Amino acid sequence: YYPSELLCPLRYQWVPFKIAKPHLDKKPYVV
């Protein structure tokens, strides 16, 4: 459901999924 965004678990800022995806591909937990 594009364009979605994810909530940063530490600072509670919203980050576009397209930015977060490459980093989540490498490890499950990302700030």
PDB file of all heavy atoms in Angstrom:
ATOM      1  N   TYR A   1       0.885  -1.172   0.000  1.00  0.00           N
ATOM      2  CA  TYR A   1       0.000   0.000   0.000  1.00  0.00           C
ATOM      3  C   TYR A   1       0.918   1.216   0.000  1.00  0.00           C
ATOM      4  O   TYR A   1       1.347   1.710   1.036  1.00  0.00           O
ATOM      5  CB  TYR A   1      -0.950  -0.053   1.202  1.00  0.00           C
ATOM      6  CG  TYR A   1      -1.925  -1.201   1.068  1.00  0.00           C
ATOM      7  CD1 TYR A   1      -1.619  -2.457   1.583  1.00  0.00           C
ATOM      8  CD2 TYR A   1      -3.108  -1.050   0.366  1.00  0.00           C
ATOM      9  CE1 TYR A   1      -2.477  -3.526   1.423  1.00  0.00           C
ATOM     10  CE2 TYR A   1      -3.978  -2.120   0.202  1.00  0.00           C
ATOM     11  CZ  TYR A   1      -3.657  -3.343   0.727  1.00  0.00           C
ATOM     12  OH  TYR A   1      -4.513  -4.406   0.551  1.00  0.00           O
ATOM     13  N   TYR A   2       1.185   1.682  -1.187  1.00  0.00           N
ATOM     14  CA  TYR A   2       2.270   2.642  -1.444  1.00  0.00           C
ATOM     15  C   TYR A   2       1.735   4.068  -1.522  1.00  0.00           C
ATOM     16  O   TYR A   2       0.641   4.273  -2.066  1.00  0.00           O
ATOM     17  CB  TYR A   2       2.940   2.243  -2.770  1.00  0.00           C
ATOM     18  CG  TYR A   2       4.020   3.182  -3.232  1.00  0.00           C
ATOM     19  CD1 TYR A   2       5.321   3.026  -2.790  1.00  0.00           C
ATOM     20  CD2 TYR A   2       3.732   4.229  -4.099  1.00  0.00           C
ATOM     21  CE1 TYR A   2       6.316   3.890  -3.203  1.00  0.00           C
ATOM     22  CE2 TYR A   2       4.718   5.105  -4.522  1.00  0.00           C
ATOM     23  CZ  TYR A   2       6.006   4.924  -4.073  1.00  0.00           C
ATOM     24  OH  TYR A   2       6.982   5.780  -4.471  1.00  0.00           O
ATOM     25  N   PRO A   3       2.448   5.065  -0.996  1.00  0.00           N
ATOM     26  CA  PRO A   3       3.743   4.996  -0.313  1.00  0.00           C
ATOM     27  C   PRO A   3       3.565   4.964   1.207  1.00  0.00           C
ATOM     28  O   PRO A   3       3.064   5.914   1.787  1.00  0.00           O
ATOM     29  CB  PRO A   3       4.414   6.284  -0.766  1.00  0.00           C
ATOM     30  CG  PRO A   3       3.272   7.261  -0.935  1.00  0.00           C
ATOM     31  CD  PRO A   3       2.057   6.454  -1.322  1.00  0.00           C
ATOM     32  N   SER A   4       3.967   3.892   1.834  1.00  0.00           N
ATOM     33  CA  SER A   4       3.828   3.762   3.280  1.00  0.00           C
ATOM     34  C   SER A   4       5.097   4.236   3.991  1.00  0.00           C
ATOM     35  O   SER A   4       6.131   4.457   3.371  1.00  0.00           O
ATOM     36  CB  SER A   4       3.528   2.305   3.653  1.00  0.00           C
ATOM     37  OG  SER A   4       4.512   1.448   3.112  1.00  0.00           O
ATOM     38  N   GLU A   5       4.989   4.386   5.313  1.00  0.00           N
ATOM     39  CA  GLU A   5       6.134   4.813   6.115  1.00  0.00           C
ATOM     40  C   GLU A   5       6.132   4.063   7.434  1.00  0.00           C
ATOM     41  O   GLU A   5       5.075   3.644   7.927  1.00  0.00           O
ATOM     42  CB  GLU A   5       6.122   6.329   6.328  1.00  0.00           C
ATOM     43  CG  GLU A   5       4.809   6.888   6.836  1.00  0.00           C
ATOM     44  CD  GLU A   5       4.780   8.414   6.832  1.00  0.00           C
ATOM     45  OE1 GLU A   5       5.808   9.031   6.519  1.00  0.00           O
ATOM     46  OE2 GLU A   5       3.727   8.979   7.164  1.00  0.00           O
ATOM     47  N   LEU A   6       7.318   3.873   7.988  1.00  0.00           N
ATOM     48  CA  LEU A   6       7.506   3.123   9.225  1.00  0.00           C
ATOM     49  C   LEU A   6       7.921   4.058  10.352  1.00  0.00           C
ATOM     50  O   LEU A   6       8.585   5.070  10.133  1.00  0.00           O
ATOM     51  CB  LEU A   6       8.581   2.048   9.039  1.00  0.00           C
ATOM     52  CG  LEU A   6       8.368   1.028   7.918  1.00  0.00           C
ATOM     53  CD1 LEU A   6       9.547   0.051   7.872  1.00  0.00           C
ATOM     54  CD2 LEU A   6       7.067   0.277   8.090  1.00  0.00           C
ATOM     55  N   LEU A   7       7.538   3.674  11.574  1.00  0.00           N
ATOM     56  CA  LEU A   7       7.844   4.480  12.757  1.00  0.00           C
ATOM     57  C   LEU A   7       9.195   4.063  13.334  1.00  0.00           C
ATOM     58  O   LEU A   7       9.429   2.880  13.604  1.00  0.00           O
ATOM     59  CB  LEU A   7       6.753   4.287  13.811  1.00  0.00           C
ATOM     60  CG  LEU A   7       6.876   5.112  15.094  1.00  0.00           C
ATOM     61  CD1 LEU A   7       6.675   6.590  14.804  1.00  0.00           C
ATOM     62  CD2 LEU A   7       5.865   4.626  16.135  1.00  0.00           C
ATOM     63  N   CYS A   8      10.078   5.035  13.524  1.00  0.00           N
ATOM     64  CA  CYS A   8      11.376   4.758  14.147  1.00  0.00           C
ATOM     65  C   CYS A   8      11.140   4.322  15.592  1.00  0.00           C
ATOM     66  O   CYS A   8      10.458   5.017  16.347  1.00  0.00           O
ATOM     67  CB  CYS A   8      12.269   5.997  14.115  1.00  0.00           C
ATOM     68  SG  CYS A   8      13.839   5.771  15.021  1.00  0.00           S
ATOM     69  N   PRO A   9      11.685   3.171  16.003  1.00  0.00           N
ATOM     70  CA  PRO A   9      11.409   2.655  17.350  1.00  0.00           C
ATOM     71  C   PRO A   9      12.120   3.402  18.466  1.00  0.00           C
ATOM     72  O   PRO A   9      11.834   3.176  19.635  1.00  0.00           O
ATOM     73  CB  PRO A   9      11.923   1.210  17.261  1.00  0.00           C
ATOM     74  CG  PRO A   9      13.003   1.250  16.229  1.00  0.00           C
ATOM     75  CD  PRO A   9      12.543   2.273  15.213  1.00  0.00           C
ATOM     76  N   LEU A  10      13.036   4.295  18.121  1.00  0.00           N
ATOM     77  CA  LEU A  10      13.788   5.007  19.153  1.00  0.00           C
ATOM     78  C   LEU A  10      13.352   6.458  19.294  1.00  0.00           C
ATOM     79  O   LEU A  10      13.084   6.932  20.397  1.00  0.00           O
ATOM     80  CB  LEU A  10      15.291   4.942  18.849  1.00  0.00           C
ATOM     81  CG  LEU A  10      16.216   5.600  19.876  1.00  0.00           C
ATOM     82  CD1 LEU A  10      16.083   4.917  21.234  1.00  0.00           C
ATOM     83  CD2 LEU A  10      17.666   5.567  19.406  1.00  0.00           C
ATOM     84  N   ARG A  11      13.266   7.162  18.158  1.00  0.00           N
ATOM     85  CA  ARG A  11      12.943   8.590  18.207  1.00  0.00           C
ATOM     86  C   ARG A  11      11.517   8.892  17.752  1.00  0.00           C
ATOM     87  O   ARG A  11      11.100  10.047  17.750  1.00  0.00           O
ATOM     88  CB  ARG A  11      13.947   9.374  17.350  1.00  0.00           C
ATOM     89  CG  ARG A  11      15.387   9.205  17.826  1.00  0.00           C
ATOM     90  CD  ARG A  11      16.353  10.063  17.033  1.00  0.00           C
ATOM     91  NE  ARG A  11      17.728   9.830  17.462  1.00  0.00           N
ATOM     92  CZ  ARG A  11      18.545   8.941  16.907  1.00  0.00           C
ATOM     93  NH1 ARG A  11      18.110   8.213  15.873  1.00  0.00           N
ATOM     94  NH2 ARG A  11      19.764   8.775  17.352  1.00  0.00           N
ATOM     95  N   TYR A  12      10.783   7.869  17.346  1.00  0.00           N
ATOM     96  CA  TYR A  12       9.372   8.007  16.969  1.00  0.00           C
ATOM     97  C   TYR A  12       9.158   9.008  15.841  1.00  0.00           C
ATOM     98  O   TYR A  12       8.223   9.809  15.860  1.00  0.00           O
ATOM     99  CB  TYR A  12       8.526   8.344  18.197  1.00  0.00           C
ATOM    100  CG  TYR A  12       8.741   7.358  19.325  1.00  0.00           C
ATOM    101  CD1 TYR A  12       9.359   7.737  20.507  1.00  0.00           C
ATOM    102  CD2 TYR A  12       8.374   6.030  19.168  1.00  0.00           C
ATOM    103  CE1 TYR A  12       9.600   6.819  21.523  1.00  0.00           C
ATOM    104  CE2 TYR A  12       8.603   5.102  20.180  1.00  0.00           C
ATOM    105  CZ  TYR A  12       9.218   5.506  21.345  1.00  0.00           C
ATOM    106  OH  TYR A  12       9.450   4.589  22.339  1.00  0.00           O
ATOM    107  N   GLN A  13      10.048   8.963  14.862  1.00  0.00           N
ATOM    108  CA  GLN A  13       9.898   9.731  13.631  1.00  0.00           C
ATOM    109  C   GLN A  13       9.457   8.772  12.529  1.00  0.00           C
ATOM    110  O   GLN A  13       9.775   7.586  12.546  1.00  0.00           O
ATOM    111  CB  GLN A  13      11.222  10.396  13.242  1.00  0.00           C
ATOM    112  CG  GLN A  13      11.754  11.372  14.279  1.00  0.00           C
ATOM    113  CD  GLN A  13      13.162  11.850  13.959  1.00  0.00           C
ATOM    114  OE1 GLN A  13      13.779  11.407  13.002  1.00  0.00           O
ATOM    115  NE2 GLN A  13      13.677  12.765  14.769  1.00  0.00           N
ATOM    116  N   TRP A  14       8.731   9.302  11.540  1.00  0.00           N
ATOM    117  CA  TRP A  14       8.240   8.483  10.437  1.00  0.00           C
ATOM    118  C   TRP A  14       9.235   8.523   9.290  1.00  0.00           C
ATOM    119  O   TRP A  14       9.686   9.592   8.876  1.00  0.00           O
ATOM    120  CB  TRP A  14       6.868   8.965   9.978  1.00  0.00           C
ATOM    121  CG  TRP A  14       5.812   8.750  11.013  1.00  0.00           C
ATOM    122  CD1 TRP A  14       5.344   9.661  11.924  1.00  0.00           C
ATOM    123  CD2 TRP A  14       5.106   7.536  11.269  1.00  0.00           C
ATOM    124  NE1 TRP A  14       4.390   9.092  12.729  1.00  0.00           N
ATOM    125  CE2 TRP A  14       4.223   7.781  12.346  1.00  0.00           C
ATOM    126  CE3 TRP A  14       5.135   6.268  10.697  1.00  0.00           C
ATOM    127  CZ2 TRP A  14       3.369   6.804  12.849  1.00  0.00           C
ATOM    128  CZ3 TRP A  14       4.284   5.287  11.198  1.00  0.00           C
ATOM    129  CH2 TRP A  14       3.413   5.563  12.270  1.00  0.00           C
ATOM    130  N   VAL A  15       9.570   7.338   8.765  1.00  0.00           N
ATOM    131  CA  VAL A  15      10.564   7.199   7.707  1.00  0.00           C
ATOM    132  C   VAL A  15       9.930   6.456   6.534  1.00  0.00           C
ATOM    133  O   VAL A  15       9.316   5.398   6.727  1.00  0.00           O
ATOM    134  CB  VAL A  15      11.797   6.417   8.215  1.00  0.00           C
ATOM    135  CG1 VAL A  15      12.807   6.209   7.088  1.00  0.00           C
ATOM    136  CG2 VAL A  15      12.432   7.151   9.396  1.00  0.00           C
ATOM    137  N   PRO A  16      10.034   6.978   5.299  1.00  0.00           N
ATOM    138  CA  PRO A  16       9.456   6.290   4.138  1.00  0.00           C
ATOM    139  C   PRO A  16       9.981   4.863   4.012  1.00  0.00           C
ATOM    140  O   PRO A  16      11.172   4.601   4.211  1.00  0.00           O
ATOM    141  CB  PRO A  16       9.906   7.156   2.956  1.00  0.00           C
ATOM    142  CG  PRO A  16      10.130   8.510   3.538  1.00  0.00           C
ATOM    143  CD  PRO A  16      10.654   8.271   4.930  1.00  0.00           C
ATOM    144  N   PHE A  17       9.095   3.949   3.676  1.00  0.00           N
ATOM    145  CA  PHE A  17       9.485   2.550   3.572  1.00  0.00           C
ATOM    146  C   PHE A  17      10.575   2.338   2.523  1.00  0.00           C
ATOM    147  O   PHE A  17      11.469   1.506   2.692  1.00  0.00           O
ATOM    148  CB  PHE A  17       8.274   1.682   3.237  1.00  0.00           C
ATOM    149  CG  PHE A  17       8.621   0.238   3.008  1.00  0.00           C
ATOM    150  CD1 PHE A  17       8.877  -0.600   4.073  1.00  0.00           C
ATOM    151  CD2 PHE A  17       8.736  -0.272   1.720  1.00  0.00           C
ATOM    152  CE1 PHE A  17       9.235  -1.929   3.875  1.00  0.00           C
ATOM    153  CE2 PHE A  17       9.083  -1.592   1.509  1.00  0.00           C
ATOM    154  CZ  PHE A  17       9.335  -2.428   2.591  1.00  0.00           C
ATOM    155  N   LYS A  18      10.510   3.078   1.431  1.00  0.00           N
ATOM    156  CA  LYS A  18      11.490   2.900   0.365  1.00  0.00           C
ATOM    157  C   LYS A  18      12.905   3.211   0.857  1.00  0.00           C
ATOM    158  O   LYS A  18      13.884   2.703   0.314  1.00  0.00           O
ATOM    159  CB  LYS A  18      11.143   3.776  -0.839  1.00  0.00           C
ATOM    160  CG  LYS A  18      11.208   5.279  -0.593  1.00  0.00           C
ATOM    161  CD  LYS A  18      10.749   6.048  -1.813  1.00  0.00           C
ATOM    162  CE  LYS A  18      10.722   7.556  -1.582  1.00  0.00           C
ATOM    163  NZ  LYS A  18      12.074   8.099  -1.372  1.00  0.00           N
ATOM    164  N   ILE A  19      13.027   4.036   1.890  1.00  0.00           N
ATOM    165  CA  ILE A  19      14.333   4.322   2.487  1.00  0.00           C
ATOM    166  C   ILE A  19      14.727   3.219   3.466  1.00  0.00           C
ATOM    167  O   ILE A  19      15.881   2.811   3.536  1.00  0.00           O
ATOM    168  CB  ILE A  19      14.311   5.687   3.198  1.00  0.00           C
ATOM    169  CG1 ILE A  19      14.151   6.805   2.172  1.00  0.00           C
ATOM    170  CG2 ILE A  19      15.558   5.884   4.042  1.00  0.00           C
ATOM    171  CD1 ILE A  19      14.054   8.179   2.797  1.00  0.00           C
ATOM    172  N   ALA A  20      13.749   2.716   4.212  1.00  0.00           N
ATOM    173  CA  ALA A  20      14.040   1.728   5.255  1.00  0.00           C
ATOM    174  C   ALA A  20      14.326   0.339   4.688  1.00  0.00           C
ATOM    175  O   ALA A  20      15.121  -0.413   5.263  1.00  0.00           O
ATOM    176  CB  ALA A  20      12.870   1.648   6.233  1.00  0.00           C
ATOM    177  N   LYS A  21      13.710  -0.011   3.565  1.00  0.00           N
ATOM    178  CA  LYS A  21      13.779  -1.388   3.064  1.00  0.00           C
ATOM    179  C   LYS A  21      15.203  -1.917   2.872  1.00  0.00           C
ATOM    180  O   LYS A  21      15.511  -3.033   3.329  1.00  0.00           O
ATOM    181  CB  LYS A  21      12.995  -1.525   1.756  1.00  0.00           C
ATOM    182  CG  LYS A  21      13.015  -2.939   1.183  1.00  0.00           C
ATOM    183  CD  LYS A  21      12.293  -3.015  -0.131  1.00  0.00           C
ATOM    184  CE  LYS A  21      12.314  -4.444  -0.678  1.00  0.00           C
ATOM    185  NZ  LYS A  21      13.671  -4.928  -0.968  1.00  0.00           N
ATOM    186  N   PRO A  22      16.109  -1.200   2.199  1.00  0.00           N
ATOM    187  CA  PRO A  22      17.452  -1.766   2.005  1.00  0.00           C
ATOM    188  C   PRO A  22      18.154  -2.095   3.315  1.00  0.00           C
ATOM    189  O   PRO A  22      18.934  -3.049   3.382  1.00  0.00           O
ATOM    190  CB  PRO A  22      18.192  -0.653   1.242  1.00  0.00           C
ATOM    191  CG  PRO A  22      17.118   0.156   0.600  1.00  0.00           C
ATOM    192  CD  PRO A  22      15.976   0.115   1.553  1.00  0.00           C
ATOM    193  N   HIS A  23      17.869  -1.339   4.369  1.00  0.00           N
ATOM    194  CA  HIS A  23      18.505  -1.568   5.657  1.00  0.00           C
ATOM    195  C   HIS A  23      17.845  -2.736   6.390  1.00  0.00           C
ATOM    196  O   HIS A  23      18.528  -3.524   7.058  1.00  0.00           O
ATOM    197  CB  HIS A  23      18.443  -0.303   6.503  1.00  0.00           C
ATOM    198  CG  HIS A  23      19.152   0.858   5.871  1.00  0.00           C
ATOM    199  ND1 HIS A  23      20.480   1.147   6.111  1.00  0.00           N
ATOM    200  CD2 HIS A  23      18.723   1.782   4.961  1.00  0.00           C
ATOM    201  CE1 HIS A  23      20.838   2.198   5.393  1.00  0.00           C
ATOM    202  NE2 HIS A  23      19.788   2.612   4.696  1.00  0.00           N
ATOM    203  N   LEU A  24      16.523  -2.867   6.245  1.00  0.00           N
ATOM    204  CA  LEU A  24      15.830  -3.999   6.862  1.00  0.00           C
ATOM    205  C   LEU A  24      16.178  -5.307   6.161  1.00  0.00           C
ATOM    206  O   LEU A  24      16.065  -6.382   6.755  1.00  0.00           O
ATOM    207  CB  LEU A  24      14.312  -3.764   6.826  1.00  0.00           C
ATOM    208  CG  LEU A  24      13.802  -2.607   7.689  1.00  0.00           C
ATOM    209  CD1 LEU A  24      12.314  -2.386   7.454  1.00  0.00           C
ATOM    210  CD2 LEU A  24      14.067  -2.883   9.163  1.00  0.00           C
ATOM    211  N   ASP A  25      16.581  -5.231   4.892  1.00  0.00           N
ATOM    212  CA  ASP A  25      17.027  -6.431   4.184  1.00  0.00           C
ATOM    213  C   ASP A  25      18.290  -7.008   4.822  1.00  0.00           C
ATOM    214  O   ASP A  25      18.561  -8.205   4.722  1.00  0.00           O
ATOM    215  CB  ASP A  25      17.317  -6.113   2.714  1.00  0.00           C
ATOM    216  CG  ASP A  25      16.039  -5.909   1.905  1.00  0.00           C
ATOM    217  OD1 ASP A  25      14.985  -6.380   2.362  1.00  0.00           O
ATOM    218  OD2 ASP A  25      16.104  -5.274   0.841  1.00  0.00           O
ATOM    219  N   LYS A  26      19.064  -6.148   5.489  1.00  0.00           N
ATOM    220  CA  LYS A  26      20.344  -6.577   6.059  1.00  0.00           C
ATOM    221  C   LYS A  26      20.198  -7.050   7.491  1.00  0.00           C
ATOM    222  O   LYS A  26      20.869  -7.988   7.924  1.00  0.00           O
ATOM    223  CB  LYS A  26      21.351  -5.429   5.991  1.00  0.00           C
ATOM    224  CG  LYS A  26      21.678  -4.986   4.560  1.00  0.00           C
ATOM    225  CD  LYS A  26      22.602  -3.773   4.569  1.00  0.00           C
ATOM    226  CE  LYS A  26      22.880  -3.295   3.150  1.00  0.00           C
ATOM    227  NZ  LYS A  26      23.737  -2.068   3.146  1.00  0.00           N
ATOM    228  N   LYS A  27      19.341  -6.391   8.277  1.00  0.00           N
ATOM    229  CA  LYS A  27      19.144  -6.808   9.666  1.00  0.00           C
ATOM    230  C   LYS A  27      17.741  -6.397  10.110  1.00  0.00           C
ATOM    231  O   LYS A  27      17.200  -5.387   9.643  1.00  0.00           O
ATOM    232  CB  LYS A  27      20.192  -6.189  10.584  1.00  0.00           C
ATOM    233  CG  LYS A  27      20.286  -4.676  10.544  1.00  0.00           C
ATOM    234  CD  LYS A  27      21.405  -4.178  11.463  1.00  0.00           C
ATOM    235  CE  LYS A  27      21.511  -2.644  11.441  1.00  0.00           C
ATOM    236  NZ  LYS A  27      22.573  -2.168  12.356  1.00  0.00           N
ATOM    237  N   PRO A  28      17.119  -7.174  11.004  1.00  0.00           N
ATOM    238  CA  PRO A  28      15.714  -6.940  11.353  1.00  0.00           C
ATOM    239  C   PRO A  28      15.462  -5.692  12.182  1.00  0.00           C
ATOM    240  O   PRO A  28      14.405  -5.087  12.069  1.00  0.00           O
ATOM    241  CB  PRO A  28      15.321  -8.201  12.116  1.00  0.00           C
ATOM    242  CG  PRO A  28      16.599  -8.752  12.644  1.00  0.00           C
ATOM    243  CD  PRO A  28      17.641  -8.408  11.626  1.00  0.00           C
ATOM    244  N   TYR A  29      16.423  -5.306  13.033  1.00  0.00           N
ATOM    245  CA  TYR A  29      16.197  -4.134  13.882  1.00  0.00           C
ATOM    246  C   TYR A  29      17.086  -2.990  13.419  1.00  0.00           C
ATOM    247  O   TYR A  29      18.317  -3.117  13.367  1.00  0.00           O
ATOM    248  CB  TYR A  29      16.488  -4.442  15.352  1.00  0.00           C
ATOM    249  CG  TYR A  29      16.389  -3.207  16.230  1.00  0.00           C
ATOM    250  CD1 TYR A  29      15.162  -2.611  16.471  1.00  0.00           C
ATOM    251  CD2 TYR A  29      17.530  -2.627  16.789  1.00  0.00           C
ATOM    252  CE1 TYR A  29      15.065  -1.472  17.255  1.00  0.00           C
ATOM    253  CE2 TYR A  29      17.441  -1.494  17.583  1.00  0.00           C
ATOM    254  CZ  TYR A  29      16.196  -0.915  17.805  1.00  0.00           C
ATOM    255  OH  TYR A  29      16.094   0.208  18.565  1.00  0.00           O
ATOM    256  N   VAL A  30      16.453  -1.872  13.090  1.00  0.00           N
ATOM    257  CA  VAL A  30      17.177  -0.703  12.600  1.00  0.00           C
ATOM    258  C   VAL A  30      16.596   0.534  13.280  1.00  0.00           C
ATOM    259  O   VAL A  30      15.367   0.671  13.397  1.00  0.00           O
ATOM    260  CB  VAL A  30      17.038  -0.550  11.063  1.00  0.00           C
ATOM    261  CG1 VAL A  30      17.771   0.695  10.585  1.00  0.00           C
ATOM    262  CG2 VAL A  30      17.566  -1.787  10.357  1.00  0.00           C
ATOM    263  N   VAL A  31      17.460   1.435  13.735  1.00  0.00           N
ATOM    264  CA  VAL A  31      17.004   2.746  14.212  1.00  0.00           C
ATOM    265  C   VAL A  31      16.755   3.594  12.958  1.00  0.00           C
ATOM    266  O   VAL A  31      17.677   4.169  12.385  1.00  0.00           O
ATOM    267  CB  VAL A  31      18.036   3.400  15.139  1.00  0.00           C
ATOM    268  CG1 VAL A  31      17.547   4.780  15.581  1.00  0.00           C
ATOM    269  CG2 VAL A  31      18.291   2.513  16.354  1.00  0.00           C
TER     270      VAL A  31
END
